[in-house]
Amino acid sequence: MVANQIVDMGILTMKSYDDCQHIGAAVVNECNCIISWNFKHIVNIKTIHGVRAITNLAGYKDIDILSPTVLLESE
């Protein structure tokens, strides 16, 4: 369902449906964050803001979307 919302809202396209499923699985399983090197589809401002909108509208827990370098810098 979340994967379909990502496509329906124009955040990503059906060409990136695997990425939508990855994000959706993390959201519905209440993960704290998604860590990815995929800057084209996942770790970018459009996706981050879009997923935040979906989680807020649908009542899911917020999820952080980060690159691995952010975690390394915080240690």
PDB file of N, CA and C in Angstrom:
ATOM      1  N   MET A   1       0.808  -1.187   0.000  1.00  0.00           N
ATOM      2  CA  MET A   1       0.000   0.000   0.000  1.00  0.00           C
ATOM      3  C   MET A   1       0.858   1.261   0.000  1.00  0.00           C
ATOM      4  N   VAL A   2       1.853   1.344   0.861  1.00  0.00           N
ATOM      5  CA  VAL A   2       2.727   2.518   0.899  1.00  0.00           C
ATOM      6  C   VAL A   2       3.470   2.654  -0.421  1.00  0.00           C
ATOM      7  N   ALA A   3       3.915   1.540  -0.971  1.00  0.00           N
ATOM      8  CA  ALA A   3       4.618   1.590  -2.261  1.00  0.00           C
ATOM      9  C   ALA A   3       3.715   2.200  -3.325  1.00  0.00           C
ATOM     10  N   ASN A   4       2.464   1.825  -3.347  1.00  0.00           N
ATOM     11  CA  ASN A   4       1.523   2.382  -4.319  1.00  0.00           C
ATOM     12  C   ASN A   4       1.281   3.864  -4.065  1.00  0.00           C
ATOM     13  N   GLN A   5       1.222   4.275  -2.806  1.00  0.00           N
ATOM     14  CA  GLN A   5       1.045   5.689  -2.483  1.00  0.00           C
ATOM     15  C   GLN A   5       2.228   6.514  -2.982  1.00  0.00           C
ATOM     16  N   ILE A   6       3.420   5.962  -2.883  1.00  0.00           N
ATOM     17  CA  ILE A   6       4.609   6.664  -3.355  1.00  0.00           C
ATOM     18  C   ILE A   6       4.502   6.927  -4.858  1.00  0.00           C
ATOM     19  N   VAL A   7       4.021   5.946  -5.591  1.00  0.00           N
ATOM     20  CA  VAL A   7       3.837   6.114  -7.035  1.00  0.00           C
ATOM     21  C   VAL A   7       2.666   7.055  -7.310  1.00  0.00           C
ATOM     22  N   ASP A   8       1.541   6.852  -6.619  1.00  0.00           N
ATOM     23  CA  ASP A   8       0.345   7.669  -6.844  1.00  0.00           C
ATOM     24  C   ASP A   8       0.603   9.150  -6.581  1.00  0.00           C
ATOM     25  N   MET A   9       1.451   9.449  -5.610  1.00  0.00           N
ATOM     26  CA  MET A   9       1.756  10.838  -5.281  1.00  0.00           C
ATOM     27  C   MET A   9       2.845  11.427  -6.184  1.00  0.00           C
ATOM     28  N   GLY A  10       3.386  10.610  -7.082  1.00  0.00           N
ATOM     29  CA  GLY A  10       4.401  11.107  -8.006  1.00  0.00           C
ATOM     30  C   GLY A  10       5.778  11.270  -7.399  1.00  0.00           C
ATOM     31  N   ILE A  11       5.997  10.637  -6.273  1.00  0.00           N
ATOM     32  CA  ILE A  11       7.312  10.718  -5.625  1.00  0.00           C
ATOM     33  C   ILE A  11       8.321   9.910  -6.430  1.00  0.00           C
ATOM     34  N   LEU A  12       7.950   8.701  -6.777  1.00  0.00           N
ATOM     35  CA  LEU A  12       8.731   7.837  -7.660  1.00  0.00           C
ATOM     36  C   LEU A  12       7.789   7.255  -8.711  1.00  0.00           C
ATOM     37  N   THR A  13       8.357   6.643  -9.736  1.00  0.00           N
ATOM     38  CA  THR A  13       7.545   6.057 -10.801  1.00  0.00           C
ATOM     39  C   THR A  13       7.533   4.534 -10.681  1.00  0.00           C
ATOM     40  N   MET A  14       6.701   3.922 -11.493  1.00  0.00           N
ATOM     41  CA  MET A  14       6.637   2.456 -11.508  1.00  0.00           C
ATOM     42  C   MET A  14       7.980   1.832 -11.897  1.00  0.00           C
ATOM     43  N   LYS A  15       8.815   2.556 -12.623  1.00  0.00           N
ATOM     44  CA  LYS A  15      10.146   2.037 -12.969  1.00  0.00           C
ATOM     45  C   LYS A  15      10.974   1.782 -11.711  1.00  0.00           C
ATOM     46  N   SER A  16      10.661   2.504 -10.650  1.00  0.00           N
ATOM     47  CA  SER A  16      11.388   2.386  -9.382  1.00  0.00           C
ATOM     48  C   SER A  16      10.560   1.659  -8.337  1.00  0.00           C
ATOM     49  N   TYR A  17       9.671   0.787  -8.772  1.00  0.00           N
ATOM     50  CA  TYR A  17       8.745   0.151  -7.832  1.00  0.00           C
ATOM     51  C   TYR A  17       9.468  -0.693  -6.779  1.00  0.00           C
ATOM     52  N   ASP A  18      10.597  -1.292  -7.146  1.00  0.00           N
ATOM     53  CA  ASP A  18      11.367  -2.046  -6.138  1.00  0.00           C
ATOM     54  C   ASP A  18      11.805  -1.131  -5.000  1.00  0.00           C
ATOM     55  N   ASP A  19      12.228   0.086  -5.340  1.00  0.00           N
ATOM     56  CA  ASP A  19      12.609   1.057  -4.313  1.00  0.00           C
ATOM     57  C   ASP A  19      11.393   1.460  -3.481  1.00  0.00           C
ATOM     58  N   CYS A  20      10.238   1.610  -4.132  1.00  0.00           N
ATOM     59  CA  CYS A  20       9.000   1.933  -3.412  1.00  0.00           C
ATOM     60  C   CYS A  20       8.662   0.838  -2.412  1.00  0.00           C
ATOM     61  N   GLN A  21       8.837  -0.411  -2.811  1.00  0.00           N
ATOM     62  CA  GLN A  21       8.559  -1.528  -1.910  1.00  0.00           C
ATOM     63  C   GLN A  21       9.542  -1.548  -0.742  1.00  0.00           C
ATOM     64  N   HIS A  22      10.783  -1.230  -1.017  1.00  0.00           N
ATOM     65  CA  HIS A  22      11.805  -1.158   0.031  1.00  0.00           C
ATOM     66  C   HIS A  22      11.398  -0.115   1.075  1.00  0.00           C
ATOM     67  N   ILE A  23      11.019   1.061   0.613  1.00  0.00           N
ATOM     68  CA  ILE A  23      10.591   2.127   1.522  1.00  0.00           C
ATOM     69  C   ILE A  23       9.321   1.713   2.257  1.00  0.00           C
ATOM     70  N   GLY A  24       8.363   1.179   1.527  1.00  0.00           N
ATOM     71  CA  GLY A  24       7.096   0.772   2.126  1.00  0.00           C
ATOM     72  C   GLY A  24       7.272  -0.282   3.201  1.00  0.00           C
ATOM     73  N   ALA A  25       8.128  -1.251   2.944  1.00  0.00           N
ATOM     74  CA  ALA A  25       8.377  -2.304   3.937  1.00  0.00           C
ATOM     75  C   ALA A  25       8.979  -1.717   5.216  1.00  0.00           C
ATOM     76  N   ALA A  26       9.878  -0.770   5.057  1.00  0.00           N
ATOM     77  CA  ALA A  26      10.489  -0.139   6.232  1.00  0.00           C
ATOM     78  C   ALA A  26       9.457   0.673   7.015  1.00  0.00           C
ATOM     79  N   VAL A  27       8.573   1.361   6.297  1.00  0.00           N
ATOM     80  CA  VAL A  27       7.552   2.182   6.955  1.00  0.00           C
ATOM     81  C   VAL A  27       6.571   1.310   7.732  1.00  0.00           C
ATOM     82  N   VAL A  28       5.996   0.304   7.091  1.00  0.00           N
ATOM     83  CA  VAL A  28       4.966  -0.500   7.766  1.00  0.00           C
ATOM     84  C   VAL A  28       5.544  -1.369   8.883  1.00  0.00           C
ATOM     85  N   ASN A  29       6.829  -1.651   8.825  1.00  0.00           N
ATOM     86  CA  ASN A  29       7.469  -2.427   9.884  1.00  0.00           C
ATOM     87  C   ASN A  29       8.076  -1.536  10.959  1.00  0.00           C
ATOM     88  N   GLU A  30       7.766  -0.244  10.890  1.00  0.00           N
ATOM     89  CA  GLU A  30       8.158   0.739  11.900  1.00  0.00           C
ATOM     90  C   GLU A  30       9.661   0.817  12.138  1.00  0.00           C
ATOM     91  N   CYS A  31      10.431   0.712  11.061  1.00  0.00           N
ATOM     92  CA  CYS A  31      11.876   0.905  11.175  1.00  0.00           C
ATOM     93  C   CYS A  31      12.156   2.361  11.540  1.00  0.00           C
ATOM     94  N   ASN A  32      13.247   2.578  12.219  1.00  0.00           N
ATOM     95  CA  ASN A  32      13.632   3.940  12.581  1.00  0.00           C
ATOM     96  C   ASN A  32      14.222   4.698  11.405  1.00  0.00           C
ATOM     97  N   CYS A  33      14.922   3.979  10.536  1.00  0.00           N
ATOM     98  CA  CYS A  33      15.555   4.663   9.412  1.00  0.00           C
ATOM     99  C   CYS A  33      15.815   3.699   8.259  1.00  0.00           C
ATOM    100  N   ILE A  34      16.021   4.301   7.103  1.00  0.00           N
ATOM    101  CA  ILE A  34      16.475   3.591   5.912  1.00  0.00           C
ATOM    102  C   ILE A  34      17.859   4.151   5.613  1.00  0.00           C
ATOM    103  N   ILE A  35      18.822   3.267   5.449  1.00  0.00           N
ATOM    104  CA  ILE A  35      20.182   3.662   5.102  1.00  0.00           C
ATOM    105  C   ILE A  35      20.435   3.175   3.681  1.00  0.00           C
ATOM    106  N   SER A  36      20.808   4.089   2.799  1.00  0.00           N
ATOM    107  CA  SER A  36      20.965   3.701   1.403  1.00  0.00           C
ATOM    108  C   SER A  36      21.980   4.589   0.695  1.00  0.00           C
ATOM    109  N   TRP A  37      22.642   3.996  -0.292  1.00  0.00           N
ATOM    110  CA  TRP A  37      23.509   4.742  -1.204  1.00  0.00           C
ATOM    111  C   TRP A  37      22.721   5.189  -2.434  1.00  0.00           C
ATOM    112  N   ASN A  38      21.448   4.851  -2.513  1.00  0.00           N
ATOM    113  CA  ASN A  38      20.637   5.156  -3.683  1.00  0.00           C
ATOM    114  C   ASN A  38      20.161   6.610  -3.632  1.00  0.00           C
ATOM    115  N   PHE A  39      21.006   7.511  -4.111  1.00  0.00           N
ATOM    116  CA  PHE A  39      20.686   8.936  -4.083  1.00  0.00           C
ATOM    117  C   PHE A  39      19.689   9.317  -5.176  1.00  0.00           C
ATOM    118  N   LYS A  40      19.590   8.517  -6.212  1.00  0.00           N
ATOM    119  CA  LYS A  40      18.678   8.835  -7.314  1.00  0.00           C
ATOM    120  C   LYS A  40      17.222   8.663  -6.892  1.00  0.00           C
ATOM    121  N   HIS A  41      16.909   7.606  -6.155  1.00  0.00           N
ATOM    122  CA  HIS A  41      15.515   7.314  -5.840  1.00  0.00           C
ATOM    123  C   HIS A  41      15.151   7.395  -4.362  1.00  0.00           C
ATOM    124  N   ILE A  42      16.081   7.139  -3.476  1.00  0.00           N
ATOM    125  CA  ILE A  42      15.712   7.026  -2.065  1.00  0.00           C
ATOM    126  C   ILE A  42      16.236   8.184  -1.225  1.00  0.00           C
ATOM    127  N   VAL A  43      17.525   8.411  -1.241  1.00  0.00           N
ATOM    128  CA  VAL A  43      18.112   9.447  -0.386  1.00  0.00           C
ATOM    129  C   VAL A  43      18.172  10.763  -1.168  1.00  0.00           C
ATOM    130  N   ASN A  44      17.014  11.360  -1.338  1.00  0.00           N
ATOM    131  CA  ASN A  44      16.945  12.684  -1.960  1.00  0.00           C
ATOM    132  C   ASN A  44      15.772  13.438  -1.356  1.00  0.00           C
ATOM    133  N   ILE A  45      15.799  14.751  -1.487  1.00  0.00           N
ATOM    134  CA  ILE A  45      14.836  15.592  -0.774  1.00  0.00           C
ATOM    135  C   ILE A  45      13.394  15.327  -1.199  1.00  0.00           C
ATOM    136  N   LYS A  46      13.160  15.047  -2.485  1.00  0.00           N
ATOM    137  CA  LYS A  46      11.802  14.786  -2.951  1.00  0.00           C
ATOM    138  C   LYS A  46      11.233  13.527  -2.291  1.00  0.00           C
ATOM    139  N   THR A  47      12.017  12.476  -2.256  1.00  0.00           N
ATOM    140  CA  THR A  47      11.566  11.230  -1.637  1.00  0.00           C
ATOM    141  C   THR A  47      11.412  11.395  -0.130  1.00  0.00           C
ATOM    142  N   ILE A  48      12.366  12.027   0.508  1.00  0.00           N
ATOM    143  CA  ILE A  48      12.314  12.216   1.956  1.00  0.00           C
ATOM    144  C   ILE A  48      11.058  12.993   2.351  1.00  0.00           C
ATOM    145  N   HIS A  49      10.790  14.102   1.675  1.00  0.00           N
ATOM    146  CA  HIS A  49       9.601  14.899   1.994  1.00  0.00           C
ATOM    147  C   HIS A  49       8.315  14.156   1.644  1.00  0.00           C
ATOM    148  N   GLY A  50       8.317  13.443   0.530  1.00  0.00           N
ATOM    149  CA  GLY A  50       7.138  12.687   0.120  1.00  0.00           C
ATOM    150  C   GLY A  50       6.803  11.566   1.086  1.00  0.00           C
ATOM    151  N   VAL A  51       7.812  10.832   1.507  1.00  0.00           N
ATOM    152  CA  VAL A  51       7.590   9.741   2.466  1.00  0.00           C
ATOM    153  C   VAL A  51       7.130  10.317   3.802  1.00  0.00           C
ATOM    154  N   ARG A  52       7.676  11.442   4.187  1.00  0.00           N
ATOM    155  CA  ARG A  52       7.236  12.092   5.432  1.00  0.00           C
ATOM    156  C   ARG A  52       5.757  12.464   5.337  1.00  0.00           C
ATOM    157  N   ALA A  53       5.324  12.964   4.179  1.00  0.00           N
ATOM    158  CA  ALA A  53       3.913  13.313   3.984  1.00  0.00           C
ATOM    159  C   ALA A  53       3.034  12.070   4.097  1.00  0.00           C
ATOM    160  N   ILE A  54       3.465  10.987   3.483  1.00  0.00           N
ATOM    161  CA  ILE A  54       2.694   9.738   3.547  1.00  0.00           C
ATOM    162  C   ILE A  54       2.592   9.233   4.980  1.00  0.00           C
ATOM    163  N   THR A  55       3.693   9.224   5.700  1.00  0.00           N
ATOM    164  CA  THR A  55       3.659   8.714   7.072  1.00  0.00           C
ATOM    165  C   THR A  55       2.774   9.588   7.945  1.00  0.00           C
ATOM    166  N   ASN A  56       2.820  10.887   7.750  1.00  0.00           N
ATOM    167  CA  ASN A  56       1.977  11.786   8.550  1.00  0.00           C
ATOM    168  C   ASN A  56       0.500  11.607   8.216  1.00  0.00           C
ATOM    169  N   LEU A  57       0.177  11.529   6.933  1.00  0.00           N
ATOM    170  CA  LEU A  57      -1.226  11.396   6.521  1.00  0.00           C
ATOM    171  C   LEU A  57      -1.826  10.047   6.908  1.00  0.00           C
ATOM    172  N   ALA A  58      -1.022   9.007   6.827  1.00  0.00           N
ATOM    173  CA  ALA A  58      -1.538   7.658   7.077  1.00  0.00           C
ATOM    174  C   ALA A  58      -1.359   7.199   8.524  1.00  0.00           C
ATOM    175  N   GLY A  59      -0.716   8.017   9.353  1.00  0.00           N
ATOM    176  CA  GLY A  59      -0.562   7.671  10.761  1.00  0.00           C
ATOM    177  C   GLY A  59       0.578   6.720  11.059  1.00  0.00           C
ATOM    178  N   TYR A  60       1.518   6.586  10.122  1.00  0.00           N
ATOM    179  CA  TYR A  60       2.685   5.753  10.385  1.00  0.00           C
ATOM    180  C   TYR A  60       3.724   6.541  11.167  1.00  0.00           C
ATOM    181  N   LYS A  61       4.598   5.819  11.829  1.00  0.00           N
ATOM    182  CA  LYS A  61       5.734   6.418  12.526  1.00  0.00           C
ATOM    183  C   LYS A  61       6.665   7.067  11.495  1.00  0.00           C
ATOM    184  N   ASP A  62       7.196   8.241  11.826  1.00  0.00           N
ATOM    185  CA  ASP A  62       8.169   8.885  10.935  1.00  0.00           C
ATOM    186  C   ASP A  62       9.401   8.007  10.780  1.00  0.00           C
ATOM    187  N   ILE A  63      10.005   8.077   9.611  1.00  0.00           N
ATOM    188  CA  ILE A  63      11.205   7.300   9.331  1.00  0.00           C
ATOM    189  C   ILE A  63      12.263   8.234   8.752  1.00  0.00           C
ATOM    190  N   ASP A  64      13.478   8.106   9.217  1.00  0.00           N
ATOM    191  CA  ASP A  64      14.586   8.885   8.664  1.00  0.00           C
ATOM    192  C   ASP A  64      15.152   8.144   7.465  1.00  0.00           C
ATOM    193  N   ILE A  65      15.498   8.893   6.434  1.00  0.00           N
ATOM    194  CA  ILE A  65      16.139   8.330   5.247  1.00  0.00           C
ATOM    195  C   ILE A  65      17.504   8.991   5.156  1.00  0.00           C
ATOM    196  N   LEU A  66      18.557   8.181   5.287  1.00  0.00           N
ATOM    197  CA  LEU A  66      19.915   8.701   5.424  1.00  0.00           C
ATOM    198  C   LEU A  66      20.903   7.955   4.532  1.00  0.00           C
ATOM    199  N   SER A  67      21.999   8.626   4.232  1.00  0.00           N
ATOM    200  CA  SER A  67      23.106   7.938   3.569  1.00  0.00           C
ATOM    201  C   SER A  67      24.017   7.355   4.645  1.00  0.00           C
ATOM    202  N   PRO A  68      24.766   6.320   4.314  1.00  0.00           N
ATOM    203  CA  PRO A  68      25.674   5.726   5.319  1.00  0.00           C
ATOM    204  C   PRO A  68      26.686   6.721   5.880  1.00  0.00           C
ATOM    205  N   THR A  69      27.062   7.719   5.106  1.00  0.00           N
ATOM    206  CA  THR A  69      28.051   8.685   5.601  1.00  0.00           C
ATOM    207  C   THR A  69      27.532   9.481   6.779  1.00  0.00           C
ATOM    208  N   VAL A  70      26.242   9.714   6.839  1.00  0.00           N
ATOM    209  CA  VAL A  70      25.666  10.437   7.975  1.00  0.00           C
ATOM    210  C   VAL A  70      25.863   9.631   9.255  1.00  0.00           C
ATOM    211  N   LEU A  71      25.686   8.337   9.192  1.00  0.00           N
ATOM    212  CA  LEU A  71      25.903   7.505  10.370  1.00  0.00           C
ATOM    213  C   LEU A  71      27.365   7.491  10.785  1.00  0.00           C
ATOM    214  N   LEU A  72      28.240   7.420   9.823  1.00  0.00           N
ATOM    215  CA  LEU A  72      29.672   7.402  10.132  1.00  0.00           C
ATOM    216  C   LEU A  72      30.109   8.709  10.771  1.00  0.00           C
ATOM    217  N   GLU A  73      29.552   9.827  10.309  1.00  0.00           N
ATOM    218  CA  GLU A  73      29.898  11.131  10.856  1.00  0.00           C
ATOM    219  C   GLU A  73      29.400  11.300  12.271  1.00  0.00           C
ATOM    220  N   SER A  74      28.304  10.638  12.634  1.00  0.00           N
ATOM    221  CA  SER A  74      27.731  10.805  13.962  1.00  0.00           C
ATOM    222  C   SER A  74      28.424   9.968  15.025  1.00  0.00           C
ATOM    223  N   GLU A  75      29.281   9.054  14.617  1.00  0.00           N
ATOM    224  CA  GLU A  75      29.958   8.193  15.601  1.00  0.00           C
ATOM    225  C   GLU A  75      31.139   8.845  16.200  1.00  0.00           C
TER     226      GLU A  75
END
